PDB file of N, CA and C in Angstrom:
ATOM      1  N   MET A   1       0.550  -1.303  -0.208  1.00  0.00           N
ATOM      2  CA  MET A   1      -0.065   0.137  -0.273  1.00  0.00           C
ATOM      3  C   MET A   1       0.780   1.072   0.032  1.00  0.00           C
ATOM      4  N   LYS A   2       0.424   1.922  -1.319  1.00  0.00           N
ATOM      5  CA  LYS A   2       1.294   3.465  -0.792  1.00  0.00           C
ATOM      6  C   LYS A   2       1.148   4.336  -0.120  1.00  0.00           C
ATOM      7  N   THR A   3       1.653   5.220   0.451  1.00  0.00           N
ATOM      8  CA  THR A   3       1.201   6.734   1.103  1.00  0.00           C
ATOM      9  C   THR A   3       1.246   7.793   0.047  1.00  0.00           C
ATOM     10  N   ILE A   4       0.376   8.513  -0.120  1.00  0.00           N
ATOM     11  CA  ILE A   4       0.296  10.119  -1.178  1.00  0.00           C
ATOM     12  C   ILE A   4      -0.317  10.856  -0.383  1.00  0.00           C
ATOM     13  N   LYS A   5       0.575  11.740  -0.251  1.00  0.00           N
ATOM     14  CA  LYS A   5      -0.143  12.990   0.135  1.00  0.00           C
ATOM     15  C   LYS A   5      -0.135  14.127  -0.895  1.00  0.00           C
ATOM     16  N   VAL A   6      -1.168  14.720  -0.426  1.00  0.00           N
ATOM     17  CA  VAL A   6      -2.076  15.788  -0.876  1.00  0.00           C
ATOM     18  C   VAL A   6      -1.547  17.531  -0.311  1.00  0.00           C
ATOM     19  N   LEU A   7      -0.363  17.936  -0.637  1.00  0.00           N
ATOM     20  CA  LEU A   7      -0.010  19.499  -0.534  1.00  0.00           C
ATOM     21  C   LEU A   7      -0.904  19.826  -0.837  1.00  0.00           C
ATOM     22  N   GLY A   8      -1.875  21.035  -0.072  1.00  0.00           N
ATOM     23  CA  GLY A   8      -1.737  22.203  -0.389  1.00  0.00           C
ATOM     24  C   GLY A   8      -3.179  22.878   0.533  1.00  0.00           C
ATOM     25  N   SER A   9      -3.849  23.946   0.247  1.00  0.00           N
ATOM     26  CA  SER A   9      -4.286  24.763   1.390  1.00  0.00           C
ATOM     27  C   SER A   9      -5.759  24.314   1.878  1.00  0.00           C
ATOM     28  N   GLY A  10      -6.127  23.158   0.748  1.00  0.00           N
ATOM     29  CA  GLY A  10      -7.666  22.580   0.826  1.00  0.00           C
ATOM     30  C   GLY A  10      -8.519  23.520  -0.660  1.00  0.00           C
ATOM     31  N   CYS A  11      -7.891  24.313  -1.285  1.00  0.00           N
ATOM     32  CA  CYS A  11      -8.428  24.628  -2.363  1.00  0.00           C
ATOM     33  C   CYS A  11      -9.224  23.618  -3.421  1.00  0.00           C
ATOM     34  N   LYS A  12      -9.712  24.339  -4.244  1.00  0.00           N
ATOM     35  CA  LYS A  12     -10.555  23.241  -5.165  1.00  0.00           C
ATOM     36  C   LYS A  12      -9.713  22.573  -6.305  1.00  0.00           C
ATOM     37  N   LYS A  13      -8.360  23.343  -6.447  1.00  0.00           N
ATOM     38  CA  LYS A  13      -7.352  21.967  -7.378  1.00  0.00           C
ATOM     39  C   LYS A  13      -6.763  21.249  -6.222  1.00  0.00           C
ATOM     40  N   CYS A  14      -6.883  21.533  -5.162  1.00  0.00           N
ATOM     41  CA  CYS A  14      -6.170  20.407  -4.320  1.00  0.00           C
ATOM     42  C   CYS A  14      -7.172  19.382  -3.767  1.00  0.00           C
ATOM     43  N   GLN A  15      -8.444  19.617  -3.862  1.00  0.00           N
ATOM     44  CA  GLN A  15      -9.593  18.693  -3.493  1.00  0.00           C
ATOM     45  C   GLN A  15      -9.859  17.707  -4.745  1.00  0.00           C
ATOM     46  N   GLN A  16      -9.463  18.308  -6.134  1.00  0.00           N
ATOM     47  CA  GLN A  16      -9.925  17.772  -7.146  1.00  0.00           C
ATOM     48  C   GLN A  16      -8.915  16.880  -7.464  1.00  0.00           C
ATOM     49  N   THR A  17      -7.367  17.350  -7.021  1.00  0.00           N
ATOM     50  CA  THR A  17      -6.340  16.392  -7.028  1.00  0.00           C
ATOM     51  C   THR A  17      -6.062  15.140  -6.248  1.00  0.00           C
ATOM     52  N   ALA A  18      -6.847  15.146  -5.034  1.00  0.00           N
ATOM     53  CA  ALA A  18      -7.171  14.162  -4.105  1.00  0.00           C
ATOM     54  C   ALA A  18      -8.017  12.925  -4.884  1.00  0.00           C
ATOM     55  N   GLU A  19      -9.320  13.810  -5.015  1.00  0.00           N
ATOM     56  CA  GLU A  19     -10.313  12.868  -5.754  1.00  0.00           C
ATOM     57  C   GLU A  19      -9.791  12.208  -6.815  1.00  0.00           C
ATOM     58  N   ASN A  20      -9.212  12.524  -8.103  1.00  0.00           N
ATOM     59  CA  ASN A  20      -8.500  12.463  -9.067  1.00  0.00           C
ATOM     60  C   ASN A  20      -7.371  10.981  -8.915  1.00  0.00           C
ATOM     61  N   ILE A  21      -7.039  11.079  -7.821  1.00  0.00           N
ATOM     62  CA  ILE A  21      -5.958   9.933  -7.610  1.00  0.00           C
ATOM     63  C   ILE A  21      -6.911   8.887  -6.767  1.00  0.00           C
ATOM     64  N   GLN A  22      -7.609   9.237  -5.764  1.00  0.00           N
ATOM     65  CA  GLN A  22      -8.083   8.319  -5.368  1.00  0.00           C
ATOM     66  C   GLN A  22      -9.070   7.623  -6.214  1.00  0.00           C
ATOM     67  N   GLN A  23      -9.678   8.161  -7.200  1.00  0.00           N
ATOM     68  CA  GLN A  23     -10.517   7.297  -8.845  1.00  0.00           C
ATOM     69  C   GLN A  23      -9.557   6.639  -9.405  1.00  0.00           C
ATOM     70  N   ILE A  24      -8.077   7.223  -9.951  1.00  0.00           N
ATOM     71  CA  ILE A  24      -7.301   6.618 -10.737  1.00  0.00           C
ATOM     72  C   ILE A  24      -6.975   5.174  -9.647  1.00  0.00           C
ATOM     73  N   ALA A  25      -6.641   5.480  -8.563  1.00  0.00           N
ATOM     74  CA  ALA A  25      -5.899   3.957  -7.859  1.00  0.00           C
ATOM     75  C   ALA A  25      -7.408   3.181  -7.560  1.00  0.00           C
ATOM     76  N   ASP A  26      -8.329   3.539  -7.706  1.00  0.00           N
ATOM     77  CA  ASP A  26      -9.154   2.746  -7.555  1.00  0.00           C
ATOM     78  C   ASP A  26      -9.646   1.778  -8.851  1.00  0.00           C
ATOM     79  N   GLU A  27      -9.588   2.489 -10.032  1.00  0.00           N
ATOM     80  CA  GLU A  27      -9.278   1.800 -11.323  1.00  0.00           C
ATOM     81  C   GLU A  27      -8.517   1.119 -11.870  1.00  0.00           C
ATOM     82  N   MET A  28      -7.212   1.435 -11.357  1.00  0.00           N
ATOM     83  CA  MET A  28      -6.158   0.669 -11.203  1.00  0.00           C
ATOM     84  C   MET A  28      -6.202  -0.573 -10.172  1.00  0.00           C
ATOM     85  N   GLY A  29      -6.880  -0.421  -9.368  1.00  0.00           N
ATOM     86  CA  GLY A  29      -6.898  -1.854  -8.001  1.00  0.00           C
ATOM     87  C   GLY A  29      -5.771  -1.798  -7.298  1.00  0.00           C
ATOM     88  N   GLN A  30      -5.339  -0.338  -6.928  1.00  0.00           N
ATOM     89  CA  GLN A  30      -4.460  -0.291  -6.022  1.00  0.00           C
ATOM     90  C   GLN A  30      -4.865   0.164  -4.838  1.00  0.00           C
ATOM     91  N   GLU A  31      -4.633  -0.116  -3.874  1.00  0.00           N
ATOM     92  CA  GLU A  31      -4.952   0.208  -2.332  1.00  0.00           C
ATOM     93  C   GLU A  31      -3.589   1.612  -2.251  1.00  0.00           C
ATOM     94  N   ILE A  32      -4.393   2.396  -1.648  1.00  0.00           N
ATOM     95  CA  ILE A  32      -3.348   3.399  -0.965  1.00  0.00           C
ATOM     96  C   ILE A  32      -3.879   4.321   0.188  1.00  0.00           C
ATOM     97  N   THR A  33      -3.093   4.831   0.788  1.00  0.00           N
ATOM     98  CA  THR A  33      -3.472   5.735   1.908  1.00  0.00           C
ATOM     99  C   THR A  33      -3.469   6.940   1.744  1.00  0.00           C
ATOM    100  N   LEU A  34      -4.378   7.972   1.312  1.00  0.00           N
ATOM    101  CA  LEU A  34      -4.272   9.555   0.732  1.00  0.00           C
ATOM    102  C   LEU A  34      -4.311  10.238   2.447  1.00  0.00           C
ATOM    103  N   GLU A  35      -3.163  11.413   2.497  1.00  0.00           N
ATOM    104  CA  GLU A  35      -3.348  12.306   3.259  1.00  0.00           C
ATOM    105  C   GLU A  35      -3.188  13.698   2.735  1.00  0.00           C
ATOM    106  N   LYS A  36      -3.870  14.668   3.216  1.00  0.00           N
ATOM    107  CA  LYS A  36      -4.299  15.591   2.720  1.00  0.00           C
ATOM    108  C   LYS A  36      -3.628  16.811   3.944  1.00  0.00           C
ATOM    109  N   VAL A  37      -2.271  17.159   3.179  1.00  0.00           N
ATOM    110  CA  VAL A  37      -1.570  18.289   4.308  1.00  0.00           C
ATOM    111  C   VAL A  37      -1.843  19.441   3.975  1.00  0.00           C
ATOM    112  N   THR A  38      -2.129  20.453   4.948  1.00  0.00           N
ATOM    113  CA  THR A  38      -2.511  21.413   4.818  1.00  0.00           C
ATOM    114  C   THR A  38      -1.928  22.590   5.334  1.00  0.00           C
ATOM    115  N   ASP A  39      -0.634  22.298   6.419  1.00  0.00           N
ATOM    116  CA  ASP A  39       0.246  22.915   7.306  1.00  0.00           C
ATOM    117  C   ASP A  39       0.749  23.279   6.518  1.00  0.00           C
ATOM    118  N   THR A  40       1.287  24.801   6.315  1.00  0.00           N
ATOM    119  CA  THR A  40       2.346  25.521   5.487  1.00  0.00           C
ATOM    120  C   THR A  40       3.229  25.155   5.243  1.00  0.00           C
ATOM    121  N   ALA A  41       3.495  24.943   6.735  1.00  0.00           N
ATOM    122  CA  ALA A  41       5.069  24.581   7.238  1.00  0.00           C
ATOM    123  C   ALA A  41       5.774  23.352   6.648  1.00  0.00           C
ATOM    124  N   GLU A  42       4.666  22.544   7.221  1.00  0.00           N
ATOM    125  CA  GLU A  42       4.815  21.189   6.586  1.00  0.00           C
ATOM    126  C   GLU A  42       4.957  21.412   4.915  1.00  0.00           C
ATOM    127  N   ILE A  43       4.201  21.784   4.082  1.00  0.00           N
ATOM    128  CA  ILE A  43       4.394  21.943   2.673  1.00  0.00           C
ATOM    129  C   ILE A  43       5.892  22.315   2.170  1.00  0.00           C
ATOM    130  N   MET A  44       5.907  23.698   2.980  1.00  0.00           N
ATOM    131  CA  MET A  44       7.369  23.831   2.844  1.00  0.00           C
ATOM    132  C   MET A  44       8.760  23.342   2.997  1.00  0.00           C
ATOM    133  N   GLY A  45       8.131  22.636   4.203  1.00  0.00           N
ATOM    134  CA  GLY A  45       9.253  21.332   4.494  1.00  0.00           C
ATOM    135  C   GLY A  45       9.556  20.347   3.469  1.00  0.00           C
ATOM    136  N   TYR A  46       8.725  20.310   2.093  1.00  0.00           N
ATOM    137  CA  TYR A  46       8.701  19.300   1.279  1.00  0.00           C
ATOM    138  C   TYR A  46       9.331  20.319   0.032  1.00  0.00           C
ATOM    139  N   GLY A  47       9.638  21.707   0.171  1.00  0.00           N
ATOM    140  CA  GLY A  47      10.024  22.396  -0.556  1.00  0.00           C
ATOM    141  C   GLY A  47       9.180  22.783  -1.973  1.00  0.00           C
ATOM    142  N   VAL A  48       7.764  22.452  -1.820  1.00  0.00           N
ATOM    143  CA  VAL A  48       6.943  22.964  -2.620  1.00  0.00           C
ATOM    144  C   VAL A  48       6.325  24.307  -2.136  1.00  0.00           C
ATOM    145  N   MET A  49       6.663  24.692  -3.672  1.00  0.00           N
ATOM    146  CA  MET A  49       6.396  26.112  -3.479  1.00  0.00           C
ATOM    147  C   MET A  49       4.648  26.473  -3.880  1.00  0.00           C
ATOM    148  N   SER A  50       4.561  25.730  -4.878  1.00  0.00           N
ATOM    149  CA  SER A  50       3.284  25.753  -5.567  1.00  0.00           C
ATOM    150  C   SER A  50       2.384  25.025  -5.668  1.00  0.00           C
ATOM    151  N   THR A  51       1.072  25.104  -5.207  1.00  0.00           N
ATOM    152  CA  THR A  51       0.241  23.644  -4.746  1.00  0.00           C
ATOM    153  C   THR A  51      -1.039  23.488  -5.708  1.00  0.00           C
ATOM    154  N   PRO A  52      -1.644  22.378  -6.038  1.00  0.00           N
ATOM    155  CA  PRO A  52      -1.276  21.042  -4.972  1.00  0.00           C
ATOM    156  C   PRO A  52       0.057  20.351  -5.492  1.00  0.00           C
ATOM    157  N   GLY A  53       0.670  19.816  -4.358  1.00  0.00           N
ATOM    158  CA  GLY A  53       1.961  18.973  -4.564  1.00  0.00           C
ATOM    159  C   GLY A  53       1.099  17.911  -4.281  1.00  0.00           C
ATOM    160  N   VAL A  54       2.002  16.559  -5.209  1.00  0.00           N
ATOM    161  CA  VAL A  54       2.008  15.324  -4.661  1.00  0.00           C
ATOM    162  C   VAL A  54       3.105  14.395  -3.953  1.00  0.00           C
ATOM    163  N   VAL A  55       3.316  13.647  -3.193  1.00  0.00           N
ATOM    164  CA  VAL A  55       4.172  13.450  -2.592  1.00  0.00           C
ATOM    165  C   VAL A  55       3.920  11.772  -2.498  1.00  0.00           C
ATOM    166  N   VAL A  56       4.736  10.991  -2.665  1.00  0.00           N
ATOM    167  CA  VAL A  56       4.303   9.268  -3.111  1.00  0.00           C
ATOM    168  C   VAL A  56       5.562   8.900  -2.052  1.00  0.00           C
ATOM    169  N   GLU A  57       5.389   8.151  -1.339  1.00  0.00           N
ATOM    170  CA  GLU A  57       6.324   7.309  -0.279  1.00  0.00           C
ATOM    171  C   GLU A  57       7.508   8.548   0.135  1.00  0.00           C
ATOM    172  N   GLU A  58       6.893   9.602   0.223  1.00  0.00           N
ATOM    173  CA  GLU A  58       8.035  10.902   0.943  1.00  0.00           C
ATOM    174  C   GLU A  58       8.825  11.004  -0.270  1.00  0.00           C
ATOM    175  N   LYS A  59       8.585  11.114  -1.455  1.00  0.00           N
ATOM    176  CA  LYS A  59       8.845  12.245  -2.405  1.00  0.00           C
ATOM    177  C   LYS A  59       8.429  12.875  -3.278  1.00  0.00           C
ATOM    178  N   VAL A  60       8.693  13.842  -3.270  1.00  0.00           N
ATOM    179  CA  VAL A  60       8.035  15.180  -4.126  1.00  0.00           C
ATOM    180  C   VAL A  60       7.300  14.490  -5.660  1.00  0.00           C
ATOM    181  N   LEU A  61       6.554  14.458  -6.373  1.00  0.00           N
ATOM    182  CA  LEU A  61       6.754  13.727  -7.738  1.00  0.00           C
ATOM    183  C   LEU A  61       5.609  14.788  -8.967  1.00  0.00           C
ATOM    184  N   HIS A  62       5.322  15.988  -7.735  1.00  0.00           N
ATOM    185  CA  HIS A  62       4.532  16.731  -8.678  1.00  0.00           C
ATOM    186  C   HIS A  62       4.008  18.085  -7.693  1.00  0.00           C
ATOM    187  N   ALA A  63       3.884  19.521  -8.375  1.00  0.00           N
ATOM    188  CA  ALA A  63       3.871  20.572  -7.784  1.00  0.00           C
ATOM    189  C   ALA A  63       3.422  21.727  -8.816  1.00  0.00           C
ATOM    190  N   GLY A  64       2.377  21.983  -8.623  1.00  0.00           N
ATOM    191  CA  GLY A  64       1.836  23.033  -9.249  1.00  0.00           C
ATOM    192  C   GLY A  64       0.762  23.040  -9.973  1.00  0.00           C
ATOM    193  N   GLY A  65      -0.884  22.706  -9.805  1.00  0.00           N
ATOM    194  CA  GLY A  65      -1.520  22.518 -10.899  1.00  0.00           C
ATOM    195  C   GLY A  65      -1.958  21.122 -10.359  1.00  0.00           C
ATOM    196  N   VAL A  66      -3.164  20.836 -10.971  1.00  0.00           N
ATOM    197  CA  VAL A  66      -3.583  19.581 -11.085  1.00  0.00           C
ATOM    198  C   VAL A  66      -2.883  18.486 -12.175  1.00  0.00           C
ATOM    199  N   PRO A  67      -2.416  17.605 -11.785  1.00  0.00           N
ATOM    200  CA  PRO A  67      -1.800  16.450 -12.796  1.00  0.00           C
ATOM    201  C   PRO A  67      -2.872  16.069 -13.248  1.00  0.00           C
ATOM    202  N   ASP A  68      -2.609  15.731 -14.710  1.00  0.00           N
ATOM    203  CA  ASP A  68      -2.950  15.067 -15.675  1.00  0.00           C
ATOM    204  C   ASP A  68      -3.399  12.956 -15.212  1.00  0.00           C
ATOM    205  N   LYS A  69      -4.439  12.747 -16.057  1.00  0.00           N
ATOM    206  CA  LYS A  69      -4.726  11.544 -15.393  1.00  0.00           C
ATOM    207  C   LYS A  69      -3.576  10.484 -15.401  1.00  0.00           C
ATOM    208  N   GLU A  70      -2.496  10.880 -17.295  1.00  0.00           N
ATOM    209  CA  GLU A  70      -1.349   9.871 -17.110  1.00  0.00           C
ATOM    210  C   GLU A  70      -0.613   9.925 -16.339  1.00  0.00           C
ATOM    211  N   LYS A  71      -0.427  11.343 -16.225  1.00  0.00           N
ATOM    212  CA  LYS A  71       0.864  11.553 -14.602  1.00  0.00           C
ATOM    213  C   LYS A  71       0.778  10.929 -13.830  1.00  0.00           C
ATOM    214  N   ILE A  72      -0.893  10.840 -12.923  1.00  0.00           N
ATOM    215  CA  ILE A  72      -1.170  10.324 -11.576  1.00  0.00           C
ATOM    216  C   ILE A  72      -1.042   8.859 -12.152  1.00  0.00           C
ATOM    217  N   LYS A  73      -1.445   8.057 -13.145  1.00  0.00           N
ATOM    218  CA  LYS A  73      -1.311   6.823 -13.452  1.00  0.00           C
ATOM    219  C   LYS A  73       0.712   6.324 -13.360  1.00  0.00           C
ATOM    220  N   SER A  74       1.430   6.955 -13.821  1.00  0.00           N
ATOM    221  CA  SER A  74       2.890   7.357 -13.881  1.00  0.00           C
ATOM    222  C   SER A  74       3.218   6.980 -12.524  1.00  0.00           C
ATOM    223  N   MET A  75       2.820   8.163 -11.340  1.00  0.00           N
ATOM    224  CA  MET A  75       2.804   8.281  -9.751  1.00  0.00           C
ATOM    225  C   MET A  75       2.702   7.094  -9.165  1.00  0.00           C
ATOM    226  N   LEU A  76       1.373   6.651  -9.538  1.00  0.00           N
ATOM    227  CA  LEU A  76       1.118   5.218  -9.231  1.00  0.00           C
ATOM    228  C   LEU A  76       1.946   3.949  -9.613  1.00  0.00           C
ATOM    229  N   SER A  77       2.027   4.166 -10.270  1.00  0.00           N
ATOM    230  CA  SER A  77       3.127   2.798 -10.942  1.00  0.00           C
ATOM    231  C   SER A  77       4.430   2.784 -10.542  1.00  0.00           C
ATOM    232  N   GLN A  78       4.901   3.887 -10.226  1.00  0.00           N
ATOM    233  CA  GLN A  78       6.625   4.113  -9.634  1.00  0.00           C
ATOM    234  C   GLN A  78       6.821   3.198  -8.194  1.00  0.00           C
TER     235      GLN A  78
END
């Protein structure tokens, strides 16, 4: 099971990113733990300046804007 964190303030783009990740993980039959990180200090700790950010297994794989379906699939496949 992968641990995935969506970094952001809880804005619409952050919510959409989290929903898309969960939906695609379900489609791929992957079990994930999805966390939403809204604490600014924690987000900055990952070096993310533009949200939403996506962290998979403590590695930042995306920052800024909603990732497209293919990018999410790629992140889940790593």
